[in-house]
PDB file of N, CA and C in Angstrom:
ATOM      1  N   LEU A   1     139.992  56.421 178.784  1.00  0.00           N
ATOM      2  CA  LEU A   1     138.999  57.434 178.497  1.00  0.00           C
ATOM      3  C   LEU A   1     139.219  58.636 179.408  1.00  0.00           C
ATOM      4  N   PRO A   2     138.936  59.835 178.877  1.00  0.00           N
ATOM      5  CA  PRO A   2     139.069  61.018 179.734  1.00  0.00           C
ATOM      6  C   PRO A   2     138.011  60.995 180.830  1.00  0.00           C
ATOM      7  N   LYS A   3     138.334  61.622 181.936  1.00  0.00           N
ATOM      8  CA  LYS A   3     137.383  61.709 183.039  1.00  0.00           C
ATOM      9  C   LYS A   3     136.158  62.497 182.590  1.00  0.00           C
ATOM     10  N   GLU A   4     134.988  61.993 182.921  1.00  0.00           N
ATOM     11  CA  GLU A   4     133.748  62.660 182.548  1.00  0.00           C
ATOM     12  C   GLU A   4     133.559  63.912 183.384  1.00  0.00           C
ATOM     13  N   LEU A   5     133.074  64.962 182.741  1.00  0.00           N
ATOM     14  CA  LEU A   5     132.801  66.210 183.451  1.00  0.00           C
ATOM     15  C   LEU A   5     131.578  66.040 184.338  1.00  0.00           C
ATOM     16  N   PRO A   6     131.539  66.714 185.483  1.00  0.00           N
ATOM     17  CA  PRO A   6     130.366  66.604 186.360  1.00  0.00           C
ATOM     18  C   PRO A   6     129.172  67.321 185.738  1.00  0.00           C
ATOM     19  N   PRO A   7     127.958  66.946 186.156  1.00  0.00           N
ATOM     20  CA  PRO A   7     126.777  67.654 185.636  1.00  0.00           C
ATOM     21  C   PRO A   7     126.777  69.102 186.104  1.00  0.00           C
ATOM     22  N   PRO A   8     126.103  69.987 185.353  1.00  0.00           N
ATOM     23  CA  PRO A   8     126.068  71.394 185.756  1.00  0.00           C
ATOM     24  C   PRO A   8     125.309  71.573 187.067  1.00  0.00           C
ATOM     25  N   SER A   9     125.717  72.574 187.819  1.00  0.00           N
ATOM     26  CA  SER A   9     125.017  72.910 189.066  1.00  0.00           C
ATOM     27  C   SER A   9     124.170  74.151 188.822  1.00  0.00           C
ATOM     28  N   ARG A  10     123.461  74.556 189.823  1.00  0.00           N
ATOM     29  CA  ARG A  10     122.627  75.762 189.698  1.00  0.00           C
ATOM     30  C   ARG A  10     123.457  77.019 189.498  1.00  0.00           C
ATOM     31  N   ASP A  11     124.714  76.979 189.917  1.00  0.00           N
ATOM     32  CA  ASP A  11     125.590  78.140 189.800  1.00  0.00           C
ATOM     33  C   ASP A  11     126.326  78.194 188.458  1.00  0.00           C
ATOM     34  N   THR A  12     126.127  77.185 187.615  1.00  0.00           N
ATOM     35  CA  THR A  12     126.828  77.114 186.342  1.00  0.00           C
ATOM     36  C   THR A  12     126.252  78.124 185.351  1.00  0.00           C
ATOM     37  N   GLN A  13     127.122  78.894 184.715  1.00  0.00           N
ATOM     38  CA  GLN A  13     126.714  79.809 183.649  1.00  0.00           C
ATOM     39  C   GLN A  13     126.541  79.001 182.360  1.00  0.00           C
ATOM     40  N   LEU A  14     125.648  79.428 181.473  1.00  0.00           N
ATOM     41  CA  LEU A  14     125.456  78.715 180.209  1.00  0.00           C
ATOM     42  C   LEU A  14     126.756  78.617 179.426  1.00  0.00           C
ATOM     43  N   SER A  15     127.562  79.672 179.464  1.00  0.00           N
ATOM     44  CA  SER A  15     128.818  79.656 178.709  1.00  0.00           C
ATOM     45  C   SER A  15     129.775  78.578 179.218  1.00  0.00           C
ATOM     46  N   ASP A  16     129.644  78.178 180.489  1.00  0.00           N
ATOM     47  CA  ASP A  16     130.489  77.121 181.037  1.00  0.00           C
ATOM     48  C   ASP A  16     130.159  75.755 180.445  1.00  0.00           C
ATOM     49  N   LEU A  17     128.989  75.626 179.825  1.00  0.00           N
ATOM     50  CA  LEU A  17     128.561  74.359 179.241  1.00  0.00           C
ATOM     51  C   LEU A  17     129.079  74.168 177.814  1.00  0.00           C
ATOM     52  N   VAL A  18     129.570  75.243 177.213  1.00  0.00           N
ATOM     53  CA  VAL A  18     130.039  75.211 175.826  1.00  0.00           C
ATOM     54  C   VAL A  18     131.529  74.869 175.781  1.00  0.00           C
ATOM     55  N   LEU A  19     131.872  73.857 174.985  1.00  0.00           N
ATOM     56  CA  LEU A  19     133.273  73.492 174.801  1.00  0.00           C
ATOM     57  C   LEU A  19     133.864  74.167 173.574  1.00  0.00           C
ATOM     58  N   SER A  20     133.082  74.257 172.489  1.00  0.00           N
ATOM     59  CA  SER A  20     133.576  74.925 171.280  1.00  0.00           C
ATOM     60  C   SER A  20     132.409  75.308 170.382  1.00  0.00           C
ATOM     61  N   ILE A  21     132.653  76.313 169.557  1.00  0.00           N
ATOM     62  CA  ILE A  21     131.707  76.742 168.525  1.00  0.00           C
ATOM     63  C   ILE A  21     132.511  76.831 167.234  1.00  0.00           C
ATOM     64  N   ARG A  22     132.156  75.989 166.272  1.00  0.00           N
ATOM     65  CA  ARG A  22     132.878  75.958 164.996  1.00  0.00           C
ATOM     66  C   ARG A  22     131.873  76.060 163.861  1.00  0.00           C
ATOM     67  N   HIS A  23     132.362  76.445 162.689  1.00  0.00           N
ATOM     68  CA  HIS A  23     131.452  76.574 161.551  1.00  0.00           C
ATOM     69  C   HIS A  23     132.171  76.264 160.251  1.00  0.00           C
ATOM     70  N   ASN A  24     131.361  75.954 159.233  1.00  0.00           N
ATOM     71  CA  ASN A  24     131.844  75.886 157.859  1.00  0.00           C
ATOM     72  C   ASN A  24     131.032  76.909 157.076  1.00  0.00           C
ATOM     73  N   GLN A  25     130.859  76.722 155.803  1.00  0.00           N
ATOM     74  CA  GLN A  25     130.127  77.711 155.004  1.00  0.00           C
ATOM     75  C   GLN A  25     128.616  77.572 155.113  1.00  0.00           C
ATOM     76  N   ASN A  26     128.133  76.492 155.739  1.00  0.00           N
ATOM     77  CA  ASN A  26     126.696  76.239 155.768  1.00  0.00           C
ATOM     78  C   ASN A  26     126.058  76.141 157.144  1.00  0.00           C
ATOM     79  N   MET A  27     126.843  75.824 158.145  1.00  0.00           N
ATOM     80  CA  MET A  27     126.258  75.506 159.431  1.00  0.00           C
ATOM     81  C   MET A  27     127.246  75.800 160.561  1.00  0.00           C
ATOM     82  N   VAL A  28     126.684  76.079 161.728  1.00  0.00           N
ATOM     83  CA  VAL A  28     127.476  76.255 162.942  1.00  0.00           C
ATOM     84  C   VAL A  28     127.251  75.012 163.805  1.00  0.00           C
ATOM     85  N   VAL A  29     128.332  74.501 164.389  1.00  0.00           N
ATOM     86  CA  VAL A  29     128.251  73.344 165.276  1.00  0.00           C
ATOM     87  C   VAL A  29     128.764  73.764 166.651  1.00  0.00           C
ATOM     88  N   VAL A  30     127.930  73.532 167.655  1.00  0.00           N
ATOM     89  CA  VAL A  30     128.281  73.859 169.035  1.00  0.00           C
ATOM     90  C   VAL A  30     128.504  72.547 169.776  1.00  0.00           C
ATOM     91  N   HIS A  31     129.680  72.386 170.359  1.00  0.00           N
ATOM     92  CA  HIS A  31     129.979  71.213 171.187  1.00  0.00           C
ATOM     93  C   HIS A  31     129.849  71.632 172.641  1.00  0.00           C
ATOM     94  N   THR A  32     129.144  70.803 173.424  1.00  0.00           N
ATOM     95  CA  THR A  32     128.871  71.109 174.821  1.00  0.00           C
ATOM     96  C   THR A  32     129.383  69.984 175.719  1.00  0.00           C
ATOM     97  N   ILE A  33     129.297  70.216 177.014  1.00  0.00           N
ATOM     98  CA  ILE A  33     129.573  69.111 177.923  1.00  0.00           C
ATOM     99  C   ILE A  33     128.437  68.095 177.752  1.00  0.00           C
ATOM    100  N   PRO A  34     128.657  66.827 178.086  1.00  0.00           N
ATOM    101  CA  PRO A  34     127.604  65.818 177.931  1.00  0.00           C
ATOM    102  C   PRO A  34     126.317  66.204 178.662  1.00  0.00           C
ATOM    103  N   GLY A  35     125.201  66.071 177.953  1.00  0.00           N
ATOM    104  CA  GLY A  35     123.892  66.346 178.533  1.00  0.00           C
ATOM    105  C   GLY A  35     123.413  67.776 178.431  1.00  0.00           C
ATOM    106  N   ALA A  36     124.233  68.697 177.941  1.00  0.00           N
ATOM    107  CA  ALA A  36     123.867  70.118 177.939  1.00  0.00           C
ATOM    108  C   ALA A  36     123.317  70.615 176.600  1.00  0.00           C
ATOM    109  N   ALA A  37     123.437  69.836 175.548  1.00  0.00           N
ATOM    110  CA  ALA A  37     123.064  70.328 174.218  1.00  0.00           C
ATOM    111  C   ALA A  37     121.591  70.713 174.120  1.00  0.00           C
ATOM    112  N   SER A  38     120.697  69.923 174.674  1.00  0.00           N
ATOM    113  CA  SER A  38     119.263  70.241 174.584  1.00  0.00           C
ATOM    114  C   SER A  38     118.925  71.552 175.278  1.00  0.00           C
ATOM    115  N   LEU A  39     119.504  71.762 176.441  1.00  0.00           N
ATOM    116  CA  LEU A  39     119.271  73.012 177.172  1.00  0.00           C
ATOM    117  C   LEU A  39     119.744  74.215 176.369  1.00  0.00           C
ATOM    118  N   LEU A  40     120.946  74.141 175.818  1.00  0.00           N
ATOM    119  CA  LEU A  40     121.488  75.265 175.057  1.00  0.00           C
ATOM    120  C   LEU A  40     120.752  75.454 173.736  1.00  0.00           C
ATOM    121  N   ALA A  41     120.358  74.358 173.093  1.00  0.00           N
ATOM    122  CA  ALA A  41     119.589  74.473 171.849  1.00  0.00           C
ATOM    123  C   ALA A  41     118.259  75.159 172.108  1.00  0.00           C
ATOM    124  N   ARG A  42     117.644  74.855 173.233  1.00  0.00           N
ATOM    125  CA  ARG A  42     116.377  75.509 173.588  1.00  0.00           C
ATOM    126  C   ARG A  42     116.572  77.016 173.747  1.00  0.00           C
ATOM    127  N   GLN A  43     117.674  77.411 174.352  1.00  0.00           N
ATOM    128  CA  GLN A  43     117.977  78.834 174.517  1.00  0.00           C
ATOM    129  C   GLN A  43     118.192  79.493 173.150  1.00  0.00           C
ATOM    130  N   LEU A  44     118.913  78.822 172.266  1.00  0.00           N
ATOM    131  CA  LEU A  44     119.141  79.366 170.923  1.00  0.00           C
ATOM    132  C   LEU A  44     117.831  79.468 170.146  1.00  0.00           C
ATOM    133  N   ASP A  45     116.971  78.454 170.248  1.00  0.00           N
ATOM    134  CA  ASP A  45     115.676  78.495 169.567  1.00  0.00           C
ATOM    135  C   ASP A  45     114.802  79.615 170.114  1.00  0.00           C
ATOM    136  N   TYR A  46     114.886  79.857 171.417  1.00  0.00           N
ATOM    137  CA  TYR A  46     114.113  80.930 172.038  1.00  0.00           C
ATOM    138  C   TYR A  46     114.532  82.290 171.478  1.00  0.00           C
ATOM    139  N   ASP A  47     115.818  82.469 171.223  1.00  0.00           N
ATOM    140  CA  ASP A  47     116.360  83.726 170.692  1.00  0.00           C
ATOM    141  C   ASP A  47     116.558  83.678 169.178  1.00  0.00           C
ATOM    142  N   SER A  48     115.860  82.785 168.502  1.00  0.00           N
ATOM    143  CA  SER A  48     116.130  82.539 167.081  1.00  0.00           C
ATOM    144  C   SER A  48     115.947  83.766 166.183  1.00  0.00           C
ATOM    145  N   GLU A  49     114.958  84.592 166.449  1.00  0.00           N
ATOM    146  CA  GLU A  49     114.763  85.779 165.600  1.00  0.00           C
ATOM    147  C   GLU A  49     115.928  86.746 165.734  1.00  0.00           C
ATOM    148  N   ALA A  50     116.346  87.015 166.939  1.00  0.00           N
ATOM    149  CA  ALA A  50     117.456  87.953 167.167  1.00  0.00           C
ATOM    150  C   ALA A  50     118.764  87.394 166.616  1.00  0.00           C
ATOM    151  N   LEU A  51     118.945  86.074 166.702  1.00  0.00           N
ATOM    152  CA  LEU A  51     120.181  85.445 166.235  1.00  0.00           C
ATOM    153  C   LEU A  51     120.148  85.103 164.747  1.00  0.00           C
ATOM    154  N   GLN A  52     118.984  85.238 164.124  1.00  0.00           N
ATOM    155  CA  GLN A  52     118.770  84.898 162.716  1.00  0.00           C
ATOM    156  C   GLN A  52     119.044  83.412 162.464  1.00  0.00           C
ATOM    157  N   ILE A  53     118.391  82.592 163.284  1.00  0.00           N
ATOM    158  CA  ILE A  53     118.509  81.134 163.201  1.00  0.00           C
ATOM    159  C   ILE A  53     117.177  80.559 162.729  1.00  0.00           C
ATOM    160  N   LEU A  54     117.231  79.628 161.764  1.00  0.00           N
ATOM    161  CA  LEU A  54     116.022  78.917 161.357  1.00  0.00           C
ATOM    162  C   LEU A  54     115.655  77.863 162.387  1.00  0.00           C
ATOM    163  N   GLY A  55     116.657  77.187 162.935  1.00  0.00           N
ATOM    164  CA  GLY A  55     116.389  76.166 163.933  1.00  0.00           C
ATOM    165  C   GLY A  55     117.657  75.451 164.345  1.00  0.00           C
ATOM    166  N   THR A  56     117.492  74.556 165.316  1.00  0.00           N
ATOM    167  CA  THR A  56     118.619  73.781 165.822  1.00  0.00           C
ATOM    168  C   THR A  56     118.231  72.309 165.879  1.00  0.00           C
ATOM    169  N   ILE A  57     119.240  71.461 165.839  1.00  0.00           N
ATOM    170  CA  ILE A  57     119.080  70.030 166.099  1.00  0.00           C
ATOM    171  C   ILE A  57     120.131  69.681 167.136  1.00  0.00           C
ATOM    172  N   SER A  58     119.700  69.060 168.227  1.00  0.00           N
ATOM    173  CA  SER A  58     120.671  68.749 169.274  1.00  0.00           C
ATOM    174  C   SER A  58     120.640  67.273 169.627  1.00  0.00           C
ATOM    175  N   GLY A  59     121.798  66.815 170.039  1.00  0.00           N
ATOM    176  CA  GLY A  59     121.940  65.476 170.591  1.00  0.00           C
ATOM    177  C   GLY A  59     122.297  65.620 172.049  1.00  0.00           C
ATOM    178  N   ASP A  60     123.181  64.770 172.520  1.00  0.00           N
ATOM    179  CA  ASP A  60     123.603  64.812 173.910  1.00  0.00           C
ATOM    180  C   ASP A  60     124.604  65.933 174.165  1.00  0.00           C
ATOM    181  N   ASP A  61     125.568  66.087 173.236  1.00  0.00           N
ATOM    182  CA  ASP A  61     126.635  67.071 173.452  1.00  0.00           C
ATOM    183  C   ASP A  61     126.983  67.870 172.198  1.00  0.00           C
ATOM    184  N   THR A  62     126.102  67.846 171.208  1.00  0.00           N
ATOM    185  CA  THR A  62     126.353  68.562 169.959  1.00  0.00           C
ATOM    186  C   THR A  62     125.072  69.232 169.470  1.00  0.00           C
ATOM    187  N   ILE A  63     125.212  70.468 168.971  1.00  0.00           N
ATOM    188  CA  ILE A  63     124.081  71.200 168.403  1.00  0.00           C
ATOM    189  C   ILE A  63     124.447  71.627 166.982  1.00  0.00           C
ATOM    190  N   PHE A  64     123.579  71.326 166.027  1.00  0.00           N
ATOM    191  CA  PHE A  64     123.704  71.853 164.673  1.00  0.00           C
ATOM    192  C   PHE A  64     122.785  73.064 164.592  1.00  0.00           C
ATOM    193  N   VAL A  65     123.317  74.197 164.159  1.00  0.00           N
ATOM    194  CA  VAL A  65     122.551  75.431 164.075  1.00  0.00           C
ATOM    195  C   VAL A  65     122.412  75.807 162.597  1.00  0.00           C
ATOM    196  N   VAL A  66     121.169  75.927 162.137  1.00  0.00           N
ATOM    197  CA  VAL A  66     120.898  76.278 160.744  1.00  0.00           C
ATOM    198  C   VAL A  66     120.537  77.761 160.685  1.00  0.00           C
ATOM    199  N   PRO A  67     121.306  78.553 159.937  1.00  0.00           N
ATOM    200  CA  PRO A  67     121.067  79.997 159.884  1.00  0.00           C
ATOM    201  C   PRO A  67     119.984  80.375 158.879  1.00  0.00           C
ATOM    202  N   GLU A  68     119.467  81.574 159.044  1.00  0.00           N
ATOM    203  CA  GLU A  68     118.596  82.142 158.021  1.00  0.00           C
ATOM    204  C   GLU A  68     119.444  82.491 156.805  1.00  0.00           C
ATOM    205  N   GLU A  69     118.800  82.655 155.680  1.00  0.00           N
ATOM    206  CA  GLU A  69     119.501  82.990 154.437  1.00  0.00           C
ATOM    207  C   GLU A  69     120.194  84.344 154.570  1.00  0.00           C
ATOM    208  N   GLY A  70     121.413  84.422 154.066  1.00  0.00           N
ATOM    209  CA  GLY A  70     122.156  85.667 154.043  1.00  0.00           C
ATOM    210  C   GLY A  70     123.003  85.934 155.281  1.00  0.00           C
ATOM    211  N   VAL A  71     122.927  85.089 156.273  1.00  0.00           N
ATOM    212  CA  VAL A  71     123.709  85.270 157.492  1.00  0.00           C
ATOM    213  C   VAL A  71     125.071  84.608 157.311  1.00  0.00           C
ATOM    214  N   THR A  72     126.136  85.323 157.611  1.00  0.00           N
ATOM    215  CA  THR A  72     127.459  84.709 157.510  1.00  0.00           C
ATOM    216  C   THR A  72     127.700  83.834 158.739  1.00  0.00           C
ATOM    217  N   MET A  73     128.397  82.751 158.510  1.00  0.00           N
ATOM    218  CA  MET A  73     128.645  81.809 159.599  1.00  0.00           C
ATOM    219  C   MET A  73     129.540  82.408 160.686  1.00  0.00           C
ATOM    220  N   SER A  74     130.486  83.242 160.306  1.00  0.00           N
ATOM    221  CA  SER A  74     131.343  83.858 161.322  1.00  0.00           C
ATOM    222  C   SER A  74     130.536  84.807 162.208  1.00  0.00           C
ATOM    223  N   ASP A  75     129.619  85.575 161.611  1.00  0.00           N
ATOM    224  CA  ASP A  75     128.767  86.461 162.414  1.00  0.00           C
ATOM    225  C   ASP A  75     127.842  85.657 163.322  1.00  0.00           C
ATOM    226  N   LEU A  76     127.272  84.582 162.781  1.00  0.00           N
ATOM    227  CA  LEU A  76     126.383  83.749 163.587  1.00  0.00           C
ATOM    228  C   LEU A  76     127.145  83.108 164.741  1.00  0.00           C
ATOM    229  N   SER A  77     128.345  82.624 164.485  1.00  0.00           N
ATOM    230  CA  SER A  77     129.163  82.042 165.548  1.00  0.00           C
ATOM    231  C   SER A  77     129.428  83.050 166.655  1.00  0.00           C
ATOM    232  N   LYS A  78     129.758  84.275 166.281  1.00  0.00           N
ATOM    233  CA  LYS A  78     129.994  85.334 167.279  1.00  0.00           C
ATOM    234  C   LYS A  78     128.726  85.632 168.069  1.00  0.00           C
ATOM    235  N   ASN A  79     127.592  85.707 167.366  1.00  0.00           N
ATOM    236  CA  ASN A  79     126.322  85.996 168.032  1.00  0.00           C
ATOM    237  C   ASN A  79     125.941  84.887 169.014  1.00  0.00           C
ATOM    238  N   ILE A  80     126.161  83.643 168.615  1.00  0.00           N
ATOM    239  CA  ILE A  80     125.868  82.516 169.509  1.00  0.00           C
ATOM    240  C   ILE A  80     126.772  82.592 170.730  1.00  0.00           C
ATOM    241  N   SER A  81     128.041  82.861 170.491  1.00  0.00           N
ATOM    242  CA  SER A  81     129.010  82.932 171.585  1.00  0.00           C
ATOM    243  C   SER A  81     128.617  83.998 172.608  1.00  0.00           C
ATOM    244  N   THR A  82     128.143  85.137 172.153  1.00  0.00           N
ATOM    245  CA  THR A  82     127.781  86.211 173.087  1.00  0.00           C
ATOM    246  C   THR A  82     126.426  85.972 173.735  1.00  0.00           C
ATOM    247  N   SER A  83     125.545  85.178 173.114  1.00  0.00           N
ATOM    248  CA  SER A  83     124.232  84.959 173.682  1.00  0.00           C
ATOM    249  C   SER A  83     124.207  83.863 174.736  1.00  0.00           C
ATOM    250  N   LEU A  84     125.216  83.007 174.739  1.00  0.00           N
ATOM    251  CA  LEU A  84     125.223  81.901 175.713  1.00  0.00           C
ATOM    252  C   LEU A  84     126.064  82.218 176.910  1.00  0.00           C
TER     253      LEU A  84
END
């Protein structure tokens, strides 16, 4: 098994917690370090109007992001990337 990443410290930037942001035609999926998905999903939900997000569902290290109608997934992915 790969070595587990250490937990974030107070000096960790939110962007350091993100491993990847990928999308298909319907949804954006954000992969994070273990334990960080809830924190980042909360940040995305807080900025949901500006990001045009209906909501998020998070687990331990994965976030599903549901966009508002009419938002392209590539634009949403870019917006998420710049907001975190």
